[in-house]
Amino acid sequence: MSDSAPPFDYLAVRGKRFLVMGVANKKSVAYKIASQLQQAGAEVVFSVRSEARRESLQKLLKDQKVLVCDVEDQTQIDQLAARLAADEVPLSGLVHSIAFADYSDGIKPFHETDRAAFLQAVDISCFSLTAVCNALKDCLADDASVVTIGISTTRMASESYGYMAPIKAALESSLAFLTKSFSRFSKVRFNAVSAGLLKTSASAGIPGYVDSYLYAEQVIPRGEAITTDEVASTAVFLLSPRSSGITAQRIVVDAGMATNYFDADVVKKVMDANP
């Protein structure tokens, strides 16, 4: 092979366009996914929630195409679809990395969850995937891949995560229904990367999350927490044609944490602390 020959495009995403929603800063999963896509030769269009967020990302994203879409506003979702349709370039994939919960009053027992806060979190963190996919259905390539970001378990009552686990469960459940309904007119795939505890700016704002993150590092067999790059790599694989046989699935990326809750050293520390 000559030195001037292009690298082998294993992921087969070179030259294809992807929409990445939810970049907050350089530490966010969405940004890591976008970076890996671009390294593989793909074109990335960004969508952020507000003009203020777009301005704050100006230095990070430089001259890249950044659109504004607050997913709580259906009008803005429709405007996003219109902008993308006007380019007449099909989207080979969509990254939905959007989540919000109002923890301004701290973490409460689940039965005390505020109705308005819960429904707002459902709207932004869950229903937005369906709303965006519906609006963009004519912008997506026939074999496009949609990837959202879930959590490694929705069955564990993690107090530090508040009421978001049931919402993420609803998000992941919607993948099967989106796959079925889109199958009537396309081959679009819908999957989730269900990530373990991550060190991001968003998670740092959740009361008690840091302690849970540090605990996770002790339970994970390798002794190191999951990184955003590892989550992003799985997402990029799911976005690529290499994962064409996978749809309506959640891929857990937790470095084996769920297999090791009863680690002997962790159990001993607990028992020694509670004689």
C-alpha atoms as a PDB file:
ATOM      1  CA  MET A   1       0.000   0.000   0.000  1.00  0.00           C
ATOM      2  CA  SER A   2       1.381   3.423  -0.911  1.00  0.00           C
ATOM      3  CA  ASP A   3       1.753   6.114   1.716  1.00  0.00           C
ATOM      4  CA  SER A   4      -0.760   8.262  -0.165  1.00  0.00           C
ATOM      5  CA  ALA A   5      -3.511   5.624  -0.164  1.00  0.00           C
ATOM      6  CA  PRO A   6      -6.514   6.508   2.011  1.00  0.00           C
ATOM      7  CA  PRO A   7      -6.936   4.478   5.207  1.00  0.00           C
ATOM      8  CA  PHE A   8      -9.324   1.524   5.137  1.00  0.00           C
ATOM      9  CA  ASP A   9     -12.790   2.798   6.011  1.00  0.00           C
ATOM     10  CA  TYR A  10     -13.755  -0.031   8.352  1.00  0.00           C
ATOM     11  CA  LEU A  11     -16.787   1.768   9.792  1.00  0.00           C
ATOM     12  CA  ALA A  12     -17.994   2.841   6.342  1.00  0.00           C
ATOM     13  CA  VAL A  13     -19.055   6.272   7.572  1.00  0.00           C
ATOM     14  CA  ARG A  14     -16.646   8.390   5.532  1.00  0.00           C
ATOM     15  CA  GLY A  15     -18.474  11.102   3.636  1.00  0.00           C
ATOM     16  CA  LYS A  16     -21.784  10.409   5.377  1.00  0.00           C
ATOM     17  CA  ARG A  17     -23.687  13.002   7.399  1.00  0.00           C
ATOM     18  CA  PHE A  18     -24.767  12.583  11.014  1.00  0.00           C
ATOM     19  CA  LEU A  19     -26.792  14.802  13.342  1.00  0.00           C
ATOM     20  CA  VAL A  20     -25.515  14.936  16.923  1.00  0.00           C
ATOM     21  CA  MET A  21     -27.890  16.416  19.488  1.00  0.00           C
ATOM     22  CA  GLY A  22     -26.893  17.335  23.022  1.00  0.00           C
ATOM     23  CA  VAL A  23     -23.301  18.569  23.086  1.00  0.00           C
ATOM     24  CA  ALA A  24     -22.782  20.548  26.283  1.00  0.00           C
ATOM     25  CA  ASN A  25     -18.990  20.783  26.438  1.00  0.00           C
ATOM     26  CA  LYS A  26     -15.856  18.850  25.523  1.00  0.00           C
ATOM     27  CA  LYS A  27     -16.516  16.275  28.260  1.00  0.00           C
ATOM     28  CA  SER A  28     -19.983  15.310  27.056  1.00  0.00           C
ATOM     29  CA  VAL A  29     -20.718  11.955  25.455  1.00  0.00           C
ATOM     30  CA  ALA A  30     -22.234  13.695  22.434  1.00  0.00           C
ATOM     31  CA  TYR A  31     -19.014  15.591  21.759  1.00  0.00           C
ATOM     32  CA  LYS A  32     -16.920  12.433  22.041  1.00  0.00           C
ATOM     33  CA  ILE A  33     -19.220  10.659  19.585  1.00  0.00           C
ATOM     34  CA  ALA A  34     -18.999  13.562  17.143  1.00  0.00           C
ATOM     35  CA  SER A  35     -15.207  13.620  17.420  1.00  0.00           C
ATOM     36  CA  GLN A  36     -14.900   9.919  16.654  1.00  0.00           C
ATOM     37  CA  LEU A  37     -17.272  10.221  13.695  1.00  0.00           C
ATOM     38  CA  GLN A  38     -15.207  13.077  12.286  1.00  0.00           C
ATOM     39  CA  GLN A  39     -11.983  11.147  12.793  1.00  0.00           C
ATOM     40  CA  ALA A  40     -13.549   8.396  10.691  1.00  0.00           C
ATOM     41  CA  GLY A  41     -14.260  10.891   7.918  1.00  0.00           C
ATOM     42  CA  ALA A  42     -17.932  11.603   8.570  1.00  0.00           C
ATOM     43  CA  GLU A  43     -19.628  14.986   8.427  1.00  0.00           C
ATOM     44  CA  VAL A  44     -21.322  16.079  11.642  1.00  0.00           C
ATOM     45  CA  VAL A  45     -24.097  18.610  12.101  1.00  0.00           C
ATOM     46  CA  PHE A  46     -24.699  19.692  15.681  1.00  0.00           C
ATOM     47  CA  SER A  47     -27.932  20.636  17.408  1.00  0.00           C
ATOM     48  CA  VAL A  48     -27.930  22.363  20.787  1.00  0.00           C
ATOM     49  CA  ARG A  49     -30.758  23.534  23.020  1.00  0.00           C
ATOM     50  CA  SER A  50     -30.286  27.301  22.956  1.00  0.00           C
ATOM     51  CA  GLU A  51     -28.515  30.226  21.366  1.00  0.00           C
ATOM     52  CA  ALA A  52     -26.605  30.706  24.606  1.00  0.00           C
ATOM     53  CA  ARG A  53     -25.326  27.127  24.396  1.00  0.00           C
ATOM     54  CA  ARG A  54     -24.291  27.648  20.776  1.00  0.00           C
ATOM     55  CA  GLU A  55     -22.327  30.747  21.779  1.00  0.00           C
ATOM     56  CA  SER A  56     -20.639  28.915  24.655  1.00  0.00           C
ATOM     57  CA  LEU A  57     -19.526  26.184  22.218  1.00  0.00           C
ATOM     58  CA  GLN A  58     -18.223  28.594  19.597  1.00  0.00           C
ATOM     59  CA  LYS A  59     -14.567  28.035  20.448  1.00  0.00           C
ATOM     60  CA  LEU A  60     -14.965  24.249  20.750  1.00  0.00           C
ATOM     61  CA  LEU A  61     -16.942  23.703  17.548  1.00  0.00           C
ATOM     62  CA  LYS A  62     -15.397  26.606  15.614  1.00  0.00           C
ATOM     63  CA  ASP A  63     -16.747  26.837  12.062  1.00  0.00           C
ATOM     64  CA  GLN A  64     -18.886  23.704  12.210  1.00  0.00           C
ATOM     65  CA  LYS A  65     -22.608  23.733  11.518  1.00  0.00           C
ATOM     66  CA  VAL A  66     -24.481  24.212  14.790  1.00  0.00           C
ATOM     67  CA  LEU A  67     -28.271  24.486  14.802  1.00  0.00           C
ATOM     68  CA  VAL A  68     -30.478  25.427  17.740  1.00  0.00           C
ATOM     69  CA  CYS A  69     -33.375  23.239  18.824  1.00  0.00           C
ATOM     70  CA  ASP A  70     -35.077  23.234  22.203  1.00  0.00           C
ATOM     71  CA  VAL A  71     -36.823  19.850  22.137  1.00  0.00           C
ATOM     72  CA  GLU A  72     -39.523  21.107  24.511  1.00  0.00           C
ATOM     73  CA  ASP A  73     -40.774  23.253  21.631  1.00  0.00           C
ATOM     74  CA  GLN A  74     -42.322  21.336  18.725  1.00  0.00           C
ATOM     75  CA  THR A  75     -42.006  24.411  16.520  1.00  0.00           C
ATOM     76  CA  GLN A  76     -38.225  24.349  16.950  1.00  0.00           C
ATOM     77  CA  ILE A  77     -38.127  20.626  16.186  1.00  0.00           C
ATOM     78  CA  ASP A  78     -40.037  21.270  12.961  1.00  0.00           C
ATOM     79  CA  GLN A  79     -37.705  24.142  12.092  1.00  0.00           C
ATOM     80  CA  LEU A  80     -34.703  21.868  12.636  1.00  0.00           C
ATOM     81  CA  ALA A  81     -36.204  19.330  10.235  1.00  0.00           C
ATOM     82  CA  ALA A  82     -36.860  22.053   7.655  1.00  0.00           C
ATOM     83  CA  ARG A  83     -33.278  23.334   7.878  1.00  0.00           C
ATOM     84  CA  LEU A  84     -31.854  19.854   7.380  1.00  0.00           C
ATOM     85  CA  ALA A  85     -34.267  19.008   4.571  1.00  0.00           C
ATOM     86  CA  ALA A  86     -33.231  22.176   2.737  1.00  0.00           C
ATOM     87  CA  ASP A  87     -29.654  20.876   2.525  1.00  0.00           C
ATOM     88  CA  GLU A  88     -30.876  17.857   0.550  1.00  0.00           C
ATOM     89  CA  VAL A  89     -28.244  15.653   2.194  1.00  0.00           C
ATOM     90  CA  PRO A  90     -29.656  12.532   3.855  1.00  0.00           C
ATOM     91  CA  LEU A  91     -28.734  11.802   7.442  1.00  0.00           C
ATOM     92  CA  SER A  92     -27.023   8.455   7.881  1.00  0.00           C
ATOM     93  CA  GLY A  93     -27.476   8.677  11.602  1.00  0.00           C
ATOM     94  CA  LEU A  94     -28.841  10.595  14.554  1.00  0.00           C
ATOM     95  CA  VAL A  95     -27.371  10.818  18.043  1.00  0.00           C
ATOM     96  CA  HIS A  96     -29.885  11.656  20.773  1.00  0.00           C
ATOM     97  CA  SER A  97     -27.842  12.548  23.854  1.00  0.00           C
ATOM     98  CA  ILE A  98     -30.398  14.689  25.623  1.00  0.00           C
ATOM     99  CA  ALA A  99     -31.499  14.461  29.234  1.00  0.00           C
ATOM    100  CA  PHE A 100     -32.698  16.878  31.874  1.00  0.00           C
ATOM    101  CA  ALA A 101     -34.085  16.641  35.396  1.00  0.00           C
ATOM    102  CA  ASP A 102     -34.704  19.480  37.808  1.00  0.00           C
ATOM    103  CA  TYR A 103     -32.847  18.598  40.997  1.00  0.00           C
ATOM    104  CA  SER A 104     -32.816  22.158  42.303  1.00  0.00           C
ATOM    105  CA  ASP A 105     -34.633  21.009  45.455  1.00  0.00           C
ATOM    106  CA  GLY A 106     -32.264  18.106  45.948  1.00  0.00           C
ATOM    107  CA  ILE A 107     -32.908  14.379  45.639  1.00  0.00           C
ATOM    108  CA  LYS A 108     -36.180  13.370  47.297  1.00  0.00           C
ATOM    109  CA  PRO A 109     -37.647   9.927  48.026  1.00  0.00           C
ATOM    110  CA  PHE A 110     -39.209   8.712  44.770  1.00  0.00           C
ATOM    111  CA  HIS A 111     -42.772   8.847  46.113  1.00  0.00           C
ATOM    112  CA  GLU A 112     -42.317  12.574  46.719  1.00  0.00           C
ATOM    113  CA  THR A 113     -41.397  13.288  43.094  1.00  0.00           C
ATOM    114  CA  ASP A 114     -42.912  16.523  41.842  1.00  0.00           C
ATOM    115  CA  ARG A 115     -45.414  15.952  39.018  1.00  0.00           C
ATOM    116  CA  ALA A 116     -44.316  18.940  36.919  1.00  0.00           C
ATOM    117  CA  ALA A 117     -40.620  18.104  37.277  1.00  0.00           C
ATOM    118  CA  PHE A 118     -41.206  14.457  36.354  1.00  0.00           C
ATOM    119  CA  LEU A 119     -43.290  15.260  33.288  1.00  0.00           C
ATOM    120  CA  GLN A 120     -40.787  17.861  32.106  1.00  0.00           C
ATOM    121  CA  ALA A 121     -37.998  15.279  32.438  1.00  0.00           C
ATOM    122  CA  VAL A 122     -40.079  12.739  30.475  1.00  0.00           C
ATOM    123  CA  ASP A 123     -40.695  15.284  27.733  1.00  0.00           C
ATOM    124  CA  ILE A 124     -37.038  16.291  27.352  1.00  0.00           C
ATOM    125  CA  SER A 125     -35.285  13.023  28.139  1.00  0.00           C
ATOM    126  CA  CYS A 126     -37.666  10.494  26.590  1.00  0.00           C
ATOM    127  CA  PHE A 127     -40.439  11.805  24.344  1.00  0.00           C
ATOM    128  CA  SER A 128     -38.032  14.095  22.510  1.00  0.00           C
ATOM    129  CA  LEU A 129     -36.535  11.045  20.775  1.00  0.00           C
ATOM    130  CA  THR A 130     -39.896  10.138  19.259  1.00  0.00           C
ATOM    131  CA  ALA A 131     -40.740  13.749  18.411  1.00  0.00           C
ATOM    132  CA  VAL A 132     -37.409  14.364  16.687  1.00  0.00           C
ATOM    133  CA  CYS A 133     -37.453  11.079  14.767  1.00  0.00           C
ATOM    134  CA  ASN A 134     -40.959  11.759  13.521  1.00  0.00           C
ATOM    135  CA  ALA A 135     -40.010  15.241  12.342  1.00  0.00           C
ATOM    136  CA  LEU A 136     -36.814  14.008  10.680  1.00  0.00           C
ATOM    137  CA  LYS A 137     -38.212  10.858   9.073  1.00  0.00           C
ATOM    138  CA  ASP A 138     -37.899  12.317   5.587  1.00  0.00           C
ATOM    139  CA  CYS A 139     -34.356  13.533   6.289  1.00  0.00           C
ATOM    140  CA  LEU A 140     -33.070  10.109   7.330  1.00  0.00           C
ATOM    141  CA  ALA A 141     -31.465   7.766   4.847  1.00  0.00           C
ATOM    142  CA  ASP A 142     -33.407   4.554   4.305  1.00  0.00           C
ATOM    143  CA  ASP A 143     -30.834   2.603   6.333  1.00  0.00           C
ATOM    144  CA  ALA A 144     -30.011   5.292   8.900  1.00  0.00           C
ATOM    145  CA  SER A 145     -29.096   4.471  12.485  1.00  0.00           C
ATOM    146  CA  VAL A 146     -30.494   6.279  15.516  1.00  0.00           C
ATOM    147  CA  VAL A 147     -28.623   5.995  18.811  1.00  0.00           C
ATOM    148  CA  THR A 148     -29.708   7.341  22.170  1.00  0.00           C
ATOM    149  CA  ILE A 149     -27.877   7.294  25.500  1.00  0.00           C
ATOM    150  CA  GLY A 150     -29.404   5.266  28.321  1.00  0.00           C
ATOM    151  CA  ILE A 151     -28.095   4.016  31.657  1.00  0.00           C
ATOM    152  CA  SER A 152     -26.620   0.646  32.564  1.00  0.00           C
ATOM    153  CA  THR A 153     -29.535  -0.420  34.740  1.00  0.00           C
ATOM    154  CA  THR A 154     -33.064   0.877  35.148  1.00  0.00           C
ATOM    155  CA  ARG A 155     -33.967  -1.815  37.688  1.00  0.00           C
ATOM    156  CA  MET A 156     -31.707  -0.641  40.492  1.00  0.00           C
ATOM    157  CA  ALA A 157     -33.157   2.003  42.805  1.00  0.00           C
ATOM    158  CA  SER A 158     -30.144   4.293  42.775  1.00  0.00           C
ATOM    159  CA  GLU A 159     -31.075   7.159  45.076  1.00  0.00           C
ATOM    160  CA  SER A 160     -28.392   9.403  43.635  1.00  0.00           C
ATOM    161  CA  TYR A 161     -30.090   9.292  40.228  1.00  0.00           C
ATOM    162  CA  GLY A 162     -33.477  10.393  41.492  1.00  0.00           C
ATOM    163  CA  TYR A 163     -36.421   9.732  39.201  1.00  0.00           C
ATOM    164  CA  MET A 164     -34.421   9.508  35.961  1.00  0.00           C
ATOM    165  CA  ALA A 165     -34.119   5.710  35.925  1.00  0.00           C
ATOM    166  CA  PRO A 166     -37.854   5.141  35.202  1.00  0.00           C
ATOM    167  CA  ILE A 167     -37.627   7.787  32.489  1.00  0.00           C
ATOM    168  CA  LYS A 168     -34.591   6.120  30.910  1.00  0.00           C
ATOM    169  CA  ALA A 169     -36.509   2.834  31.065  1.00  0.00           C
ATOM    170  CA  ALA A 170     -39.293   4.447  29.047  1.00  0.00           C
ATOM    171  CA  LEU A 171     -36.720   5.834  26.606  1.00  0.00           C
ATOM    172  CA  GLU A 172     -35.198   2.412  26.042  1.00  0.00           C
ATOM    173  CA  SER A 173     -38.618   0.766  25.737  1.00  0.00           C
ATOM    174  CA  SER A 174     -39.535   3.192  22.947  1.00  0.00           C
ATOM    175  CA  LEU A 175     -36.754   1.765  20.762  1.00  0.00           C
ATOM    176  CA  ALA A 176     -38.760  -1.347  19.915  1.00  0.00           C
ATOM    177  CA  PHE A 177     -41.826   0.684  19.025  1.00  0.00           C
ATOM    178  CA  LEU A 178     -39.870   3.133  16.882  1.00  0.00           C
ATOM    179  CA  THR A 179     -38.175   0.259  15.099  1.00  0.00           C
ATOM    180  CA  LYS A 180     -41.549  -1.356  14.376  1.00  0.00           C
ATOM    181  CA  SER A 181     -43.290   1.792  13.179  1.00  0.00           C
ATOM    182  CA  PHE A 182     -40.377   2.949  10.993  1.00  0.00           C
ATOM    183  CA  SER A 183     -40.087  -0.547   9.486  1.00  0.00           C
ATOM    184  CA  ARG A 184     -43.298   0.133   7.572  1.00  0.00           C
ATOM    185  CA  PHE A 185     -41.431   2.503   5.259  1.00  0.00           C
ATOM    186  CA  SER A 186     -37.676   2.199   5.957  1.00  0.00           C
ATOM    187  CA  LYS A 187     -34.817   0.173   7.410  1.00  0.00           C
ATOM    188  CA  VAL A 188     -33.917   2.765  10.034  1.00  0.00           C
ATOM    189  CA  ARG A 189     -32.498   1.206  13.201  1.00  0.00           C
ATOM    190  CA  PHE A 190     -32.923   2.388  16.798  1.00  0.00           C
ATOM    191  CA  ASN A 191     -30.561   1.419  19.614  1.00  0.00           C
ATOM    192  CA  ALA A 192     -29.279   2.676  22.949  1.00  0.00           C
ATOM    193  CA  VAL A 193     -25.880   2.739  24.601  1.00  0.00           C
ATOM    194  CA  SER A 194     -26.674   2.051  28.242  1.00  0.00           C
ATOM    195  CA  ALA A 195     -23.746   3.596  30.035  1.00  0.00           C
ATOM    196  CA  GLY A 196     -22.398   3.042  33.512  1.00  0.00           C
ATOM    197  CA  LEU A 197     -21.561   5.969  35.764  1.00  0.00           C
ATOM    198  CA  LEU A 198     -19.640   8.663  33.888  1.00  0.00           C
ATOM    199  CA  LYS A 199     -17.643  11.689  34.950  1.00  0.00           C
ATOM    200  CA  THR A 200     -19.389  14.480  33.037  1.00  0.00           C
ATOM    201  CA  SER A 201     -20.357  18.036  33.869  1.00  0.00           C
ATOM    202  CA  ALA A 202     -24.031  17.069  33.867  1.00  0.00           C
ATOM    203  CA  SER A 203     -23.572  14.169  36.289  1.00  0.00           C
ATOM    204  CA  ALA A 204     -21.430  16.270  38.613  1.00  0.00           C
ATOM    205  CA  GLY A 205     -24.485  18.434  39.277  1.00  0.00           C
ATOM    206  CA  ILE A 206     -26.572  15.528  40.592  1.00  0.00           C
ATOM    207  CA  PRO A 207     -26.557  15.437  44.425  1.00  0.00           C
ATOM    208  CA  GLY A 208     -24.723  12.352  45.693  1.00  0.00           C
ATOM    209  CA  TYR A 209     -23.573  11.261  42.249  1.00  0.00           C
ATOM    210  CA  VAL A 210     -19.858  11.676  42.914  1.00  0.00           C
ATOM    211  CA  ASP A 211     -19.991   9.223  45.831  1.00  0.00           C
ATOM    212  CA  SER A 212     -21.786   6.691  43.629  1.00  0.00           C
ATOM    213  CA  TYR A 213     -19.189   7.195  40.904  1.00  0.00           C
ATOM    214  CA  LEU A 214     -16.360   6.508  43.359  1.00  0.00           C
ATOM    215  CA  TYR A 215     -18.186   3.423  44.633  1.00  0.00           C
ATOM    216  CA  ALA A 216     -18.604   2.182  41.056  1.00  0.00           C
ATOM    217  CA  GLU A 217     -14.836   2.351  40.574  1.00  0.00           C
ATOM    218  CA  GLN A 218     -14.446  -0.091  43.465  1.00  0.00           C
ATOM    219  CA  VAL A 219     -17.046  -2.498  42.107  1.00  0.00           C
ATOM    220  CA  ILE A 220     -15.886  -2.509  38.479  1.00  0.00           C
ATOM    221  CA  PRO A 221     -13.543  -5.521  38.087  1.00  0.00           C
ATOM    222  CA  ARG A 222     -10.781  -3.522  36.415  1.00  0.00           C
ATOM    223  CA  GLY A 223     -10.865  -0.893  39.177  1.00  0.00           C
ATOM    224  CA  GLU A 224     -11.430   1.959  36.745  1.00  0.00           C
ATOM    225  CA  ALA A 225     -14.645   3.713  35.824  1.00  0.00           C
ATOM    226  CA  ILE A 226     -16.126   3.799  32.344  1.00  0.00           C
ATOM    227  CA  THR A 227     -14.916   6.673  30.202  1.00  0.00           C
ATOM    228  CA  THR A 228     -16.942   8.797  27.823  1.00  0.00           C
ATOM    229  CA  ASP A 229     -14.653   7.644  25.007  1.00  0.00           C
ATOM    230  CA  GLU A 230     -15.654   4.024  25.640  1.00  0.00           C
ATOM    231  CA  VAL A 231     -19.330   4.911  25.513  1.00  0.00           C
ATOM    232  CA  ALA A 232     -18.748   6.972  22.383  1.00  0.00           C
ATOM    233  CA  SER A 233     -16.947   4.106  20.640  1.00  0.00           C
ATOM    234  CA  THR A 234     -19.937   1.835  21.150  1.00  0.00           C
ATOM    235  CA  ALA A 235     -22.279   4.541  19.884  1.00  0.00           C
ATOM    236  CA  VAL A 236     -20.183   5.053  16.744  1.00  0.00           C
ATOM    237  CA  PHE A 237     -20.237   1.314  16.070  1.00  0.00           C
ATOM    238  CA  LEU A 238     -24.041   1.337  16.374  1.00  0.00           C
ATOM    239  CA  LEU A 239     -24.216   4.307  14.027  1.00  0.00           C
ATOM    240  CA  SER A 240     -22.134   2.515  11.417  1.00  0.00           C
ATOM    241  CA  PRO A 241     -23.256  -0.107   8.874  1.00  0.00           C
ATOM    242  CA  ARG A 242     -21.058  -2.569  10.778  1.00  0.00           C
ATOM    243  CA  SER A 243     -23.932  -2.949  13.251  1.00  0.00           C
ATOM    244  CA  SER A 244     -26.590  -3.425  10.569  1.00  0.00           C
ATOM    245  CA  GLY A 245     -27.969  -6.541  12.273  1.00  0.00           C
ATOM    246  CA  ILE A 246     -28.629  -4.769  15.563  1.00  0.00           C
ATOM    247  CA  THR A 247     -31.835  -2.866  16.241  1.00  0.00           C
ATOM    248  CA  ALA A 248     -34.230  -2.228  19.135  1.00  0.00           C
ATOM    249  CA  GLN A 249     -31.427  -3.128  21.561  1.00  0.00           C
ATOM    250  CA  ARG A 250     -29.677  -1.614  24.549  1.00  0.00           C
ATOM    251  CA  ILE A 251     -25.935  -2.254  24.687  1.00  0.00           C
ATOM    252  CA  VAL A 252     -24.673  -2.064  28.256  1.00  0.00           C
ATOM    253  CA  VAL A 253     -21.277  -0.416  28.645  1.00  0.00           C
ATOM    254  CA  ASP A 254     -20.325  -0.702  32.309  1.00  0.00           C
ATOM    255  CA  ALA A 255     -16.994  -2.627  32.257  1.00  0.00           C
ATOM    256  CA  GLY A 256     -18.630  -5.497  34.124  1.00  0.00           C
ATOM    257  CA  MET A 257     -19.887  -3.501  37.104  1.00  0.00           C
ATOM    258  CA  ALA A 258     -23.204  -5.391  37.166  1.00  0.00           C
ATOM    259  CA  THR A 259     -21.366  -8.703  37.581  1.00  0.00           C
ATOM    260  CA  ASN A 260     -19.351  -7.640  40.601  1.00  0.00           C
ATOM    261  CA  TYR A 261     -21.618  -5.992  43.200  1.00  0.00           C
ATOM    262  CA  PHE A 262     -20.550  -8.578  45.778  1.00  0.00           C
ATOM    263  CA  ASP A 263     -16.827  -8.037  45.361  1.00  0.00           C
ATOM    264  CA  ALA A 264     -15.133  -9.516  48.438  1.00  0.00           C
ATOM    265  CA  ASP A 265     -13.028  -6.424  49.163  1.00  0.00           C
ATOM    266  CA  VAL A 266     -16.041  -4.109  48.940  1.00  0.00           C
ATOM    267  CA  VAL A 267     -18.125  -6.391  51.157  1.00  0.00           C
ATOM    268  CA  LYS A 268     -15.308  -6.507  53.720  1.00  0.00           C
ATOM    269  CA  LYS A 269     -15.069  -2.697  53.815  1.00  0.00           C
ATOM    270  CA  VAL A 270     -18.786  -2.447  54.481  1.00  0.00           C
ATOM    271  CA  MET A 271     -18.724  -5.102  57.193  1.00  0.00           C
ATOM    272  CA  ASP A 272     -15.665  -3.565  58.855  1.00  0.00           C
ATOM    273  CA  ALA A 273     -17.408  -0.178  58.866  1.00  0.00           C
ATOM    274  CA  ASN A 274     -20.524  -1.742  60.432  1.00  0.00           C
ATOM    275  CA  PRO A 275     -19.291  -4.261  63.038  1.00  0.00           C
END
